[in-house]
mmCIF file of all heavy atoms, coordinates in Angstrom:
data_MODEL
# 
_entry.id   MODEL 
# 
loop_
_atom_site.group_PDB 
_atom_site.id 
_atom_site.type_symbol 
_atom_site.label_atom_id 
_atom_site.label_alt_id 
_atom_site.label_comp_id 
_atom_site.label_asym_id 
_atom_site.label_entity_id 
_atom_site.label_seq_id 
_atom_site.pdbx_PDB_ins_code 
_atom_site.Cartn_x 
_atom_site.Cartn_y 
_atom_site.Cartn_z 
_atom_site.occupancy 
_atom_site.B_iso_or_equiv 
_atom_site.pdbx_formal_charge 
_atom_site.auth_seq_id 
_atom_site.auth_comp_id 
_atom_site.auth_asym_id 
_atom_site.auth_atom_id 
_atom_site.pdbx_PDB_model_num 
ATOM 1   N N   . MET A 1 1  ? -6.516 13.313 1.078   1.00 0.00 ? 1  MET A N   1 
ATOM 2   C CA  . MET A 1 1  ? -5.964 14.619 0.699   1.00 0.00 ? 1  MET A CA  1 
ATOM 3   C C   . MET A 1 1  ? -4.526 14.769 1.190   1.00 0.00 ? 1  MET A C   1 
ATOM 4   O O   . MET A 1 1  ? -3.665 15.266 0.460   1.00 0.00 ? 1  MET A O   1 
ATOM 5   C CB  . MET A 1 1  ? -6.837 15.750 1.246   1.00 0.00 ? 1  MET A CB  1 
ATOM 6   C CG  . MET A 1 1  ? -8.200 15.831 0.604   1.00 0.00 ? 1  MET A CG  1 
ATOM 7   S SD  . MET A 1 1  ? -8.115 16.166 -1.160  1.00 0.00 ? 1  MET A SD  1 
ATOM 8   C CE  . MET A 1 1  ? -7.594 17.855 -1.136  1.00 0.00 ? 1  MET A CE  1 
ATOM 9   N N   . HIS A 1 2  ? -4.268 14.323 2.406   1.00 0.00 ? 2  HIS A N   1 
ATOM 10  C CA  . HIS A 1 2  ? -2.915 14.413 2.965   1.00 0.00 ? 2  HIS A CA  1 
ATOM 11  C C   . HIS A 1 2  ? -1.938 13.601 2.116   1.00 0.00 ? 2  HIS A C   1 
ATOM 12  O O   . HIS A 1 2  ? -0.838 14.078 1.774   1.00 0.00 ? 2  HIS A O   1 
ATOM 13  C CB  . HIS A 1 2  ? -2.905 13.924 4.414   1.00 0.00 ? 2  HIS A CB  1 
ATOM 14  C CG  . HIS A 1 2  ? -1.538 13.842 5.008   1.00 0.00 ? 2  HIS A CG  1 
ATOM 15  N ND1 . HIS A 1 2  ? -0.819 14.966 5.372   1.00 0.00 ? 2  HIS A ND1 1 
ATOM 16  C CD2 . HIS A 1 2  ? -0.736 12.785 5.275   1.00 0.00 ? 2  HIS A CD2 1 
ATOM 17  C CE1 . HIS A 1 2  ? 0.366  14.594 5.833   1.00 0.00 ? 2  HIS A CE1 1 
ATOM 18  N NE2 . HIS A 1 2  ? 0.432  13.281 5.788   1.00 0.00 ? 2  HIS A NE2 1 
ATOM 19  N N   . ILE A 1 3  ? -2.320 12.386 1.755   1.00 0.00 ? 3  ILE A N   1 
ATOM 20  C CA  . ILE A 1 3  ? -1.446 11.524 0.957   1.00 0.00 ? 3  ILE A CA  1 
ATOM 21  C C   . ILE A 1 3  ? -1.240 12.116 -0.436  1.00 0.00 ? 3  ILE A C   1 
ATOM 22  O O   . ILE A 1 3  ? -0.118 12.125 -0.959  1.00 0.00 ? 3  ILE A O   1 
ATOM 23  C CB  . ILE A 1 3  ? -2.000 10.089 0.887   1.00 0.00 ? 3  ILE A CB  1 
ATOM 24  C CG1 . ILE A 1 3  ? -1.973 9.452  2.280   1.00 0.00 ? 3  ILE A CG1 1 
ATOM 25  C CG2 . ILE A 1 3  ? -1.186 9.245  -0.085  1.00 0.00 ? 3  ILE A CG2 1 
ATOM 26  C CD1 . ILE A 1 3  ? -2.750 8.150  2.376   1.00 0.00 ? 3  ILE A CD1 1 
ATOM 27  N N   . VAL A 1 4  ? -2.295 12.622 -1.060  1.00 0.00 ? 4  VAL A N   1 
ATOM 28  C CA  . VAL A 1 4  ? -2.163 13.236 -2.391  1.00 0.00 ? 4  VAL A CA  1 
ATOM 29  C C   . VAL A 1 4  ? -1.222 14.432 -2.326  1.00 0.00 ? 4  VAL A C   1 
ATOM 30  O O   . VAL A 1 4  ? -0.348 14.600 -3.186  1.00 0.00 ? 4  VAL A O   1 
ATOM 31  C CB  . VAL A 1 4  ? -3.549 13.635 -2.957  1.00 0.00 ? 4  VAL A CB  1 
ATOM 32  C CG1 . VAL A 1 4  ? -3.396 14.547 -4.164  1.00 0.00 ? 4  VAL A CG1 1 
ATOM 33  C CG2 . VAL A 1 4  ? -4.348 12.398 -3.333  1.00 0.00 ? 4  VAL A CG2 1 
ATOM 34  N N   . GLN A 1 5  ? -1.364 15.283 -1.306  1.00 0.00 ? 5  GLN A N   1 
ATOM 35  C CA  . GLN A 1 5  ? -0.475 16.436 -1.170  1.00 0.00 ? 5  GLN A CA  1 
ATOM 36  C C   . GLN A 1 5  ? 0.976  15.992 -1.003  1.00 0.00 ? 5  GLN A C   1 
ATOM 37  O O   . GLN A 1 5  ? 1.889  16.586 -1.581  1.00 0.00 ? 5  GLN A O   1 
ATOM 38  C CB  . GLN A 1 5  ? -0.903 17.297 0.017   1.00 0.00 ? 5  GLN A CB  1 
ATOM 39  C CG  . GLN A 1 5  ? -2.169 18.063 -0.258  1.00 0.00 ? 5  GLN A CG  1 
ATOM 40  C CD  . GLN A 1 5  ? -2.705 18.770 0.970   1.00 0.00 ? 5  GLN A CD  1 
ATOM 41  O OE1 . GLN A 1 5  ? -2.468 18.356 2.102   1.00 0.00 ? 5  GLN A OE1 1 
ATOM 42  N NE2 . GLN A 1 5  ? -3.437 19.848 0.737   1.00 0.00 ? 5  GLN A NE2 1 
ATOM 43  N N   . LYS A 1 6  ? 1.206  14.941 -0.241  1.00 0.00 ? 6  LYS A N   1 
ATOM 44  C CA  . LYS A 1 6  ? 2.556  14.420 -0.035  1.00 0.00 ? 6  LYS A CA  1 
ATOM 45  C C   . LYS A 1 6  ? 3.153  13.921 -1.350  1.00 0.00 ? 6  LYS A C   1 
ATOM 46  O O   . LYS A 1 6  ? 4.309  14.208 -1.669  1.00 0.00 ? 6  LYS A O   1 
ATOM 47  C CB  . LYS A 1 6  ? 2.506  13.292 1.008   1.00 0.00 ? 6  LYS A CB  1 
ATOM 48  C CG  . LYS A 1 6  ? 3.855  12.785 1.437   1.00 0.00 ? 6  LYS A CG  1 
ATOM 49  C CD  . LYS A 1 6  ? 3.702  11.850 2.625   1.00 0.00 ? 6  LYS A CD  1 
ATOM 50  C CE  . LYS A 1 6  ? 3.862  10.441 2.144   1.00 0.00 ? 6  LYS A CE  1 
ATOM 51  N NZ  . LYS A 1 6  ? 3.804  9.439  3.201   1.00 0.00 ? 6  LYS A NZ  1 
ATOM 52  N N   . ILE A 1 7  ? 2.358  13.210 -2.132  1.00 0.00 ? 7  ILE A N   1 
ATOM 53  C CA  . ILE A 1 7  ? 2.840  12.686 -3.416  1.00 0.00 ? 7  ILE A CA  1 
ATOM 54  C C   . ILE A 1 7  ? 3.115  13.823 -4.396  1.00 0.00 ? 7  ILE A C   1 
ATOM 55  O O   . ILE A 1 7  ? 4.126  13.811 -5.101  1.00 0.00 ? 7  ILE A O   1 
ATOM 56  C CB  . ILE A 1 7  ? 1.844  11.661 -3.996  1.00 0.00 ? 7  ILE A CB  1 
ATOM 57  C CG1 . ILE A 1 7  ? 1.859  10.390 -3.140  1.00 0.00 ? 7  ILE A CG1 1 
ATOM 58  C CG2 . ILE A 1 7  ? 2.173  11.333 -5.452  1.00 0.00 ? 7  ILE A CG2 1 
ATOM 59  C CD1 . ILE A 1 7  ? 0.776  9.388  -3.485  1.00 0.00 ? 7  ILE A CD1 1 
ATOM 60  N N   . ILE A 1 8  ? 2.238  14.824 -4.433  1.00 0.00 ? 8  ILE A N   1 
ATOM 61  C CA  . ILE A 1 8  ? 2.469  15.979 -5.316  1.00 0.00 ? 8  ILE A CA  1 
ATOM 62  C C   . ILE A 1 8  ? 3.755  16.697 -4.925  1.00 0.00 ? 8  ILE A C   1 
ATOM 63  O O   . ILE A 1 8  ? 4.565  17.060 -5.783  1.00 0.00 ? 8  ILE A O   1 
ATOM 64  C CB  . ILE A 1 8  ? 1.266  16.949 -5.288  1.00 0.00 ? 8  ILE A CB  1 
ATOM 65  C CG1 . ILE A 1 8  ? 0.072  16.317 -6.004  1.00 0.00 ? 8  ILE A CG1 1 
ATOM 66  C CG2 . ILE A 1 8  ? 1.630  18.288 -5.929  1.00 0.00 ? 8  ILE A CG2 1 
ATOM 67  C CD1 . ILE A 1 8  ? -1.221 17.104 -5.858  1.00 0.00 ? 8  ILE A CD1 1 
ATOM 68  N N   . SER A 1 9  ? 3.976  16.890 -3.623  1.00 0.00 ? 9  SER A N   1 
ATOM 69  C CA  . SER A 1 9  ? 5.207  17.537 -3.159  1.00 0.00 ? 9  SER A CA  1 
ATOM 70  C C   . SER A 1 9  ? 6.431  16.738 -3.575  1.00 0.00 ? 9  SER A C   1 
ATOM 71  O O   . SER A 1 9  ? 7.420  17.293 -4.053  1.00 0.00 ? 9  SER A O   1 
ATOM 72  C CB  . SER A 1 9  ? 5.196  17.693 -1.631  1.00 0.00 ? 9  SER A CB  1 
ATOM 73  O OG  . SER A 1 9  ? 4.185  18.565 -1.237  1.00 0.00 ? 9  SER A OG  1 
ATOM 74  N N   . LYS A 1 10 ? 6.352  15.426 -3.400  1.00 0.00 ? 10 LYS A N   1 
ATOM 75  C CA  . LYS A 1 10 ? 7.493  14.579 -3.757  1.00 0.00 ? 10 LYS A CA  1 
ATOM 76  C C   . LYS A 1 10 ? 7.776  14.635 -5.254  1.00 0.00 ? 10 LYS A C   1 
ATOM 77  O O   . LYS A 1 10 ? 8.931  14.704 -5.672  1.00 0.00 ? 10 LYS A O   1 
ATOM 78  C CB  . LYS A 1 10 ? 7.229  13.146 -3.304  1.00 0.00 ? 10 LYS A CB  1 
ATOM 79  C CG  . LYS A 1 10 ? 8.454  12.286 -3.295  1.00 0.00 ? 10 LYS A CG  1 
ATOM 80  C CD  . LYS A 1 10 ? 8.179  10.971 -2.600  1.00 0.00 ? 10 LYS A CD  1 
ATOM 81  C CE  . LYS A 1 10 ? 9.431  10.139 -2.510  1.00 0.00 ? 10 LYS A CE  1 
ATOM 82  N NZ  . LYS A 1 10 ? 9.210  8.879  -1.802  1.00 0.00 ? 10 LYS A NZ  1 
ATOM 83  N N   . GLU A 1 11 ? 6.719  14.636 -6.076  1.00 0.00 ? 11 GLU A N   1 
ATOM 84  C CA  . GLU A 1 11 ? 6.904  14.743 -7.528  1.00 0.00 ? 11 GLU A CA  1 
ATOM 85  C C   . GLU A 1 11 ? 7.546  16.088 -7.894  1.00 0.00 ? 11 GLU A C   1 
ATOM 86  O O   . GLU A 1 11 ? 8.407  16.158 -8.759  1.00 0.00 ? 11 GLU A O   1 
ATOM 87  C CB  . GLU A 1 11 ? 5.573  14.571 -8.260  1.00 0.00 ? 11 GLU A CB  1 
ATOM 88  C CG  . GLU A 1 11 ? 4.999  13.180 -8.181  1.00 0.00 ? 11 GLU A CG  1 
ATOM 89  C CD  . GLU A 1 11 ? 5.890  12.128 -8.806  1.00 0.00 ? 11 GLU A CD  1 
ATOM 90  O OE1 . GLU A 1 11 ? 6.466  12.378 -9.880  1.00 0.00 ? 11 GLU A OE1 1 
ATOM 91  O OE2 . GLU A 1 11 ? 6.021  11.039 -8.209  1.00 0.00 ? 11 GLU A OE2 1 
ATOM 92  N N   . THR A 1 12 ? 7.117  17.150 -7.233  1.00 0.00 ? 12 THR A N   1 
ATOM 93  C CA  . THR A 1 12 ? 7.698  18.477 -7.465  1.00 0.00 ? 12 THR A CA  1 
ATOM 94  C C   . THR A 1 12 ? 9.168  18.476 -7.072  1.00 0.00 ? 12 THR A C   1 
ATOM 95  O O   . THR A 1 12 ? 10.022 18.975 -7.812  1.00 0.00 ? 12 THR A O   1 
ATOM 96  C CB  . THR A 1 12 ? 6.934  19.547 -6.673  1.00 0.00 ? 12 THR A CB  1 
ATOM 97  O OG1 . THR A 1 12 ? 5.572  19.530 -7.085  1.00 0.00 ? 12 THR A OG1 1 
ATOM 98  C CG2 . THR A 1 12 ? 7.517  20.939 -6.899  1.00 0.00 ? 12 THR A CG2 1 
ATOM 99  N N   . TYR A 1 13 ? 9.482  17.904 -5.901  1.00 0.00 ? 13 TYR A N   1 
ATOM 100 C CA  . TYR A 1 13 ? 10.876 17.834 -5.456  1.00 0.00 ? 13 TYR A CA  1 
ATOM 101 C C   . TYR A 1 13 ? 11.725 17.037 -6.440  1.00 0.00 ? 13 TYR A C   1 
ATOM 102 O O   . TYR A 1 13 ? 12.871 17.389 -6.707  1.00 0.00 ? 13 TYR A O   1 
ATOM 103 C CB  . TYR A 1 13 ? 10.973 17.199 -4.067  1.00 0.00 ? 13 TYR A CB  1 
ATOM 104 C CG  . TYR A 1 13 ? 10.422 18.041 -2.949  1.00 0.00 ? 13 TYR A CG  1 
ATOM 105 C CD1 . TYR A 1 13 ? 9.823  17.453 -1.848  1.00 0.00 ? 13 TYR A CD1 1 
ATOM 106 C CD2 . TYR A 1 13 ? 10.500 19.433 -2.965  1.00 0.00 ? 13 TYR A CD2 1 
ATOM 107 C CE1 . TYR A 1 13 ? 9.321  18.213 -0.806  1.00 0.00 ? 13 TYR A CE1 1 
ATOM 108 C CE2 . TYR A 1 13 ? 9.997  20.200 -1.933  1.00 0.00 ? 13 TYR A CE2 1 
ATOM 109 C CZ  . TYR A 1 13 ? 9.417  19.582 -0.843  1.00 0.00 ? 13 TYR A CZ  1 
ATOM 110 O OH  . TYR A 1 13 ? 8.925  20.338 0.181   1.00 0.00 ? 13 TYR A OH  1 
ATOM 111 N N   . ARG A 1 14 ? 11.171 15.958 -7.003  1.00 0.00 ? 14 ARG A N   1 
ATOM 112 C CA  . ARG A 1 14 ? 11.920 15.145 -7.965  1.00 0.00 ? 14 ARG A CA  1 
ATOM 113 C C   . ARG A 1 14 ? 12.252 15.952 -9.223  1.00 0.00 ? 14 ARG A C   1 
ATOM 114 O O   . ARG A 1 14 ? 13.317 15.790 -9.808  1.00 0.00 ? 14 ARG A O   1 
ATOM 115 C CB  . ARG A 1 14 ? 11.142 13.892 -8.352  1.00 0.00 ? 14 ARG A CB  1 
ATOM 116 C CG  . ARG A 1 14 ? 11.151 12.817 -7.307  1.00 0.00 ? 14 ARG A CG  1 
ATOM 117 C CD  . ARG A 1 14 ? 10.482 11.554 -7.836  1.00 0.00 ? 14 ARG A CD  1 
ATOM 118 N NE  . ARG A 1 14 ? 10.345 10.563 -6.806  1.00 0.00 ? 14 ARG A NE  1 
ATOM 119 C CZ  . ARG A 1 14 ? 11.312 9.758  -6.397  1.00 0.00 ? 14 ARG A CZ  1 
ATOM 120 N NH1 . ARG A 1 14 ? 12.491 9.843  -6.938  1.00 0.00 ? 14 ARG A NH1 1 
ATOM 121 N NH2 . ARG A 1 14 ? 11.096 8.881  -5.446  1.00 0.00 ? 14 ARG A NH2 1 
ATOM 122 N N   . ARG A 1 15 ? 11.329 16.810 -9.630  1.00 0.00 ? 15 ARG A N   1 
ATOM 123 C CA  . ARG A 1 15 ? 11.569 17.626 -10.824 1.00 0.00 ? 15 ARG A CA  1 
ATOM 124 C C   . ARG A 1 15 ? 12.555 18.754 -10.548 1.00 0.00 ? 15 ARG A C   1 
ATOM 125 O O   . ARG A 1 15 ? 13.334 19.122 -11.420 1.00 0.00 ? 15 ARG A O   1 
ATOM 126 C CB  . ARG A 1 15 ? 10.252 18.230 -11.327 1.00 0.00 ? 15 ARG A CB  1 
ATOM 127 C CG  . ARG A 1 15 ? 9.387  17.279 -12.106 1.00 0.00 ? 15 ARG A CG  1 
ATOM 128 C CD  . ARG A 1 15 ? 8.247  17.997 -12.798 1.00 0.00 ? 15 ARG A CD  1 
ATOM 129 N NE  . ARG A 1 15 ? 7.456  18.850 -11.927 1.00 0.00 ? 15 ARG A NE  1 
ATOM 130 C CZ  . ARG A 1 15 ? 6.435  18.442 -11.175 1.00 0.00 ? 15 ARG A CZ  1 
ATOM 131 N NH1 . ARG A 1 15 ? 6.069  17.191 -11.191 1.00 0.00 ? 15 ARG A NH1 1 
ATOM 132 N NH2 . ARG A 1 15 ? 5.769  19.288 -10.419 1.00 0.00 ? 15 ARG A NH2 1 
ATOM 133 N N   . GLU A 1 16 ? 12.511 19.314 -9.344  1.00 0.00 ? 16 GLU A N   1 
ATOM 134 C CA  . GLU A 1 16 ? 13.280 20.524 -9.053  1.00 0.00 ? 16 GLU A CA  1 
ATOM 135 C C   . GLU A 1 16 ? 14.634 20.261 -8.402  1.00 0.00 ? 16 GLU A C   1 
ATOM 136 O O   . GLU A 1 16 ? 15.442 21.173 -8.310  1.00 0.00 ? 16 GLU A O   1 
ATOM 137 C CB  . GLU A 1 16 ? 12.464 21.442 -8.146  1.00 0.00 ? 16 GLU A CB  1 
ATOM 138 C CG  . GLU A 1 16 ? 11.217 21.974 -8.831  1.00 0.00 ? 16 GLU A CG  1 
ATOM 139 C CD  . GLU A 1 16 ? 10.348 22.806 -7.916  1.00 0.00 ? 16 GLU A CD  1 
ATOM 140 O OE1 . GLU A 1 16 ? 10.632 22.883 -6.707  1.00 0.00 ? 16 GLU A OE1 1 
ATOM 141 O OE2 . GLU A 1 16 ? 9.367  23.371 -8.411  1.00 0.00 ? 16 GLU A OE2 1 
ATOM 142 N N   . ASN A 1 17 ? 14.857 19.057 -7.895  1.00 0.00 ? 17 ASN A N   1 
ATOM 143 C CA  . ASN A 1 17 ? 16.108 18.743 -7.211  1.00 0.00 ? 17 ASN A CA  1 
ATOM 144 C C   . ASN A 1 17 ? 16.727 17.512 -7.852  1.00 0.00 ? 17 ASN A C   1 
ATOM 145 O O   . ASN A 1 17 ? 16.046 16.718 -8.476  1.00 0.00 ? 17 ASN A O   1 
ATOM 146 C CB  . ASN A 1 17 ? 15.851 18.507 -5.720  1.00 0.00 ? 17 ASN A CB  1 
ATOM 147 C CG  . ASN A 1 17 ? 15.244 19.737 -5.083  1.00 0.00 ? 17 ASN A CG  1 
ATOM 148 O OD1 . ASN A 1 17 ? 15.909 20.726 -4.872  1.00 0.00 ? 17 ASN A OD1 1 
ATOM 149 N ND2 . ASN A 1 17 ? 13.954 19.691 -4.809  1.00 0.00 ? 17 ASN A ND2 1 
ATOM 150 N N   . GLU A 1 18 ? 18.014 17.370 -7.649  1.00 0.00 ? 18 GLU A N   1 
ATOM 151 C CA  . GLU A 1 18 ? 18.733 16.297 -8.331  1.00 0.00 ? 18 GLU A CA  1 
ATOM 152 C C   . GLU A 1 18 ? 19.428 15.404 -7.319  1.00 0.00 ? 18 GLU A C   1 
ATOM 153 O O   . GLU A 1 18 ? 20.036 15.873 -6.364  1.00 0.00 ? 18 GLU A O   1 
ATOM 154 C CB  . GLU A 1 18 ? 19.766 16.920 -9.269  1.00 0.00 ? 18 GLU A CB  1 
ATOM 155 C CG  . GLU A 1 18 ? 20.566 15.929 -10.041 1.00 0.00 ? 18 GLU A CG  1 
ATOM 156 C CD  . GLU A 1 18 ? 21.598 16.606 -10.927 1.00 0.00 ? 18 GLU A CD  1 
ATOM 157 O OE1 . GLU A 1 18 ? 21.800 17.825 -10.819 1.00 0.00 ? 18 GLU A OE1 1 
ATOM 158 O OE2 . GLU A 1 18 ? 22.215 15.881 -11.719 1.00 0.00 ? 18 GLU A OE2 1 
ATOM 159 N N   . VAL A 1 19 ? 19.309 14.106 -7.537  1.00 0.00 ? 19 VAL A N   1 
ATOM 160 C CA  . VAL A 1 19 ? 20.044 13.127 -6.741  1.00 0.00 ? 19 VAL A CA  1 
ATOM 161 C C   . VAL A 1 19 ? 20.644 12.112 -7.708  1.00 0.00 ? 19 VAL A C   1 
ATOM 162 O O   . VAL A 1 19 ? 19.940 11.525 -8.519  1.00 0.00 ? 19 VAL A O   1 
ATOM 163 C CB  . VAL A 1 19 ? 19.139 12.388 -5.728  1.00 0.00 ? 19 VAL A CB  1 
ATOM 164 C CG1 . VAL A 1 19 ? 19.952 11.372 -4.942  1.00 0.00 ? 19 VAL A CG1 1 
ATOM 165 C CG2 . VAL A 1 19 ? 18.450 13.357 -4.785  1.00 0.00 ? 19 VAL A CG2 1 
ATOM 166 N N   . VAL A 1 20 ? 21.961 11.943 -7.598  1.00 0.00 ? 20 VAL A N   1 
ATOM 167 C CA  . VAL A 1 20 ? 22.663 10.990 -8.456  1.00 0.00 ? 20 VAL A CA  1 
ATOM 168 C C   . VAL A 1 20 ? 23.452 10.045 -7.559  1.00 0.00 ? 20 VAL A C   1 
ATOM 169 O O   . VAL A 1 20 ? 24.190 10.491 -6.673  1.00 0.00 ? 20 VAL A O   1 
ATOM 170 C CB  . VAL A 1 20 ? 23.617 11.711 -9.438  1.00 0.00 ? 20 VAL A CB  1 
ATOM 171 C CG1 . VAL A 1 20 ? 24.408 10.714 -10.267 1.00 0.00 ? 20 VAL A CG1 1 
ATOM 172 C CG2 . VAL A 1 20 ? 22.839 12.672 -10.324 1.00 0.00 ? 20 VAL A CG2 1 
ATOM 173 N N   . ILE A 1 21 ? 23.275 8.758  -7.799  1.00 0.00 ? 21 ILE A N   1 
ATOM 174 C CA  . ILE A 1 21 ? 24.035 7.752  -7.060  1.00 0.00 ? 21 ILE A CA  1 
ATOM 175 C C   . ILE A 1 21 ? 25.194 7.300  -7.944  1.00 0.00 ? 21 ILE A C   1 
ATOM 176 O O   . ILE A 1 21 ? 24.988 6.872  -9.081  1.00 0.00 ? 21 ILE A O   1 
ATOM 177 C CB  . ILE A 1 21 ? 23.145 6.550  -6.676  1.00 0.00 ? 21 ILE A CB  1 
ATOM 178 C CG1 . ILE A 1 21 ? 22.016 7.027  -5.757  1.00 0.00 ? 21 ILE A CG1 1 
ATOM 179 C CG2 . ILE A 1 21 ? 23.980 5.454  -6.026  1.00 0.00 ? 21 ILE A CG2 1 
ATOM 180 C CD1 . ILE A 1 21 ? 20.986 5.955  -5.438  1.00 0.00 ? 21 ILE A CD1 1 
ATOM 181 N N   . VAL A 1 22 ? 26.413 7.425  -7.395  1.00 0.00 ? 22 VAL A N   1 
ATOM 182 C CA  . VAL A 1 22 ? 27.618 7.061  -8.135  1.00 0.00 ? 22 VAL A CA  1 
ATOM 183 C C   . VAL A 1 22 ? 28.246 5.836  -7.469  1.00 0.00 ? 22 VAL A C   1 
ATOM 184 O O   . VAL A 1 22 ? 28.483 5.835  -6.261  1.00 0.00 ? 22 VAL A O   1 
ATOM 185 C CB  . VAL A 1 22 ? 28.636 8.228  -8.154  1.00 0.00 ? 22 VAL A CB  1 
ATOM 186 C CG1 . VAL A 1 22 ? 29.903 7.835  -8.888  1.00 0.00 ? 22 VAL A CG1 1 
ATOM 187 C CG2 . VAL A 1 22 ? 28.015 9.474  -8.760  1.00 0.00 ? 22 VAL A CG2 1 
ATOM 188 N N   . LYS A 1 23 ? 28.499 4.810  -8.275  1.00 0.00 ? 23 LYS A N   1 
ATOM 189 C CA  . LYS A 1 23 ? 29.137 3.588  -7.753  1.00 0.00 ? 23 LYS A CA  1 
ATOM 190 C C   . LYS A 1 23 ? 30.642 3.784  -7.733  1.00 0.00 ? 23 LYS A C   1 
ATOM 191 O O   . LYS A 1 23 ? 31.242 4.203  -8.720  1.00 0.00 ? 23 LYS A O   1 
ATOM 192 C CB  . LYS A 1 23 ? 28.745 2.395  -8.609  1.00 0.00 ? 23 LYS A CB  1 
ATOM 193 C CG  . LYS A 1 23 ? 29.290 1.094  -8.070  1.00 0.00 ? 23 LYS A CG  1 
ATOM 194 C CD  . LYS A 1 23 ? 28.759 -0.095 -8.844  1.00 0.00 ? 23 LYS A CD  1 
ATOM 195 C CE  . LYS A 1 23 ? 29.516 -1.298 -8.397  1.00 0.00 ? 23 LYS A CE  1 
ATOM 196 N NZ  . LYS A 1 23 ? 28.914 -2.365 -7.854  1.00 0.00 ? 23 LYS A NZ  1 
ATOM 197 N N   . ASN A 1 24 ? 31.275 3.472  -6.597  1.00 0.00 ? 24 ASN A N   1 
ATOM 198 C CA  . ASN A 1 24 ? 32.723 3.561  -6.430  1.00 0.00 ? 24 ASN A CA  1 
ATOM 199 C C   . ASN A 1 24 ? 33.227 2.180  -6.004  1.00 0.00 ? 24 ASN A C   1 
ATOM 200 O O   . ASN A 1 24 ? 33.263 1.892  -4.815  1.00 0.00 ? 24 ASN A O   1 
ATOM 201 C CB  . ASN A 1 24 ? 33.104 4.569  -5.344  1.00 0.00 ? 24 ASN A CB  1 
ATOM 202 C CG  . ASN A 1 24 ? 32.437 5.907  -5.542  1.00 0.00 ? 24 ASN A CG  1 
ATOM 203 O OD1 . ASN A 1 24 ? 32.517 6.480  -6.600  1.00 0.00 ? 24 ASN A OD1 1 
ATOM 204 N ND2 . ASN A 1 24 ? 31.750 6.382  -4.521  1.00 0.00 ? 24 ASN A ND2 1 
ATOM 205 N N   . ASN A 1 25 ? 33.588 1.343  -6.935  1.00 0.00 ? 25 ASN A N   1 
ATOM 206 C CA  . ASN A 1 25 ? 33.974 -0.041 -6.639  1.00 0.00 ? 25 ASN A CA  1 
ATOM 207 C C   . ASN A 1 25 ? 32.854 -0.738 -5.871  1.00 0.00 ? 25 ASN A C   1 
ATOM 208 O O   . ASN A 1 25 ? 31.837 -1.049 -6.436  1.00 0.00 ? 25 ASN A O   1 
ATOM 209 C CB  . ASN A 1 25 ? 35.313 -0.099 -5.911  1.00 0.00 ? 25 ASN A CB  1 
ATOM 210 C CG  . ASN A 1 25 ? 36.437 0.474  -6.766  1.00 0.00 ? 25 ASN A CG  1 
ATOM 211 O OD1 . ASN A 1 25 ? 36.455 0.283  -7.981  1.00 0.00 ? 25 ASN A OD1 1 
ATOM 212 N ND2 . ASN A 1 25 ? 37.356 1.182  -6.147  1.00 0.00 ? 25 ASN A ND2 1 
# 
């Protein structure tokens, strides 16, 4: 249950927050 809750939270965070990696040289 703990692991499932952690994965659900992470999936929610992925949908609601944005992270973009930009290459600079």
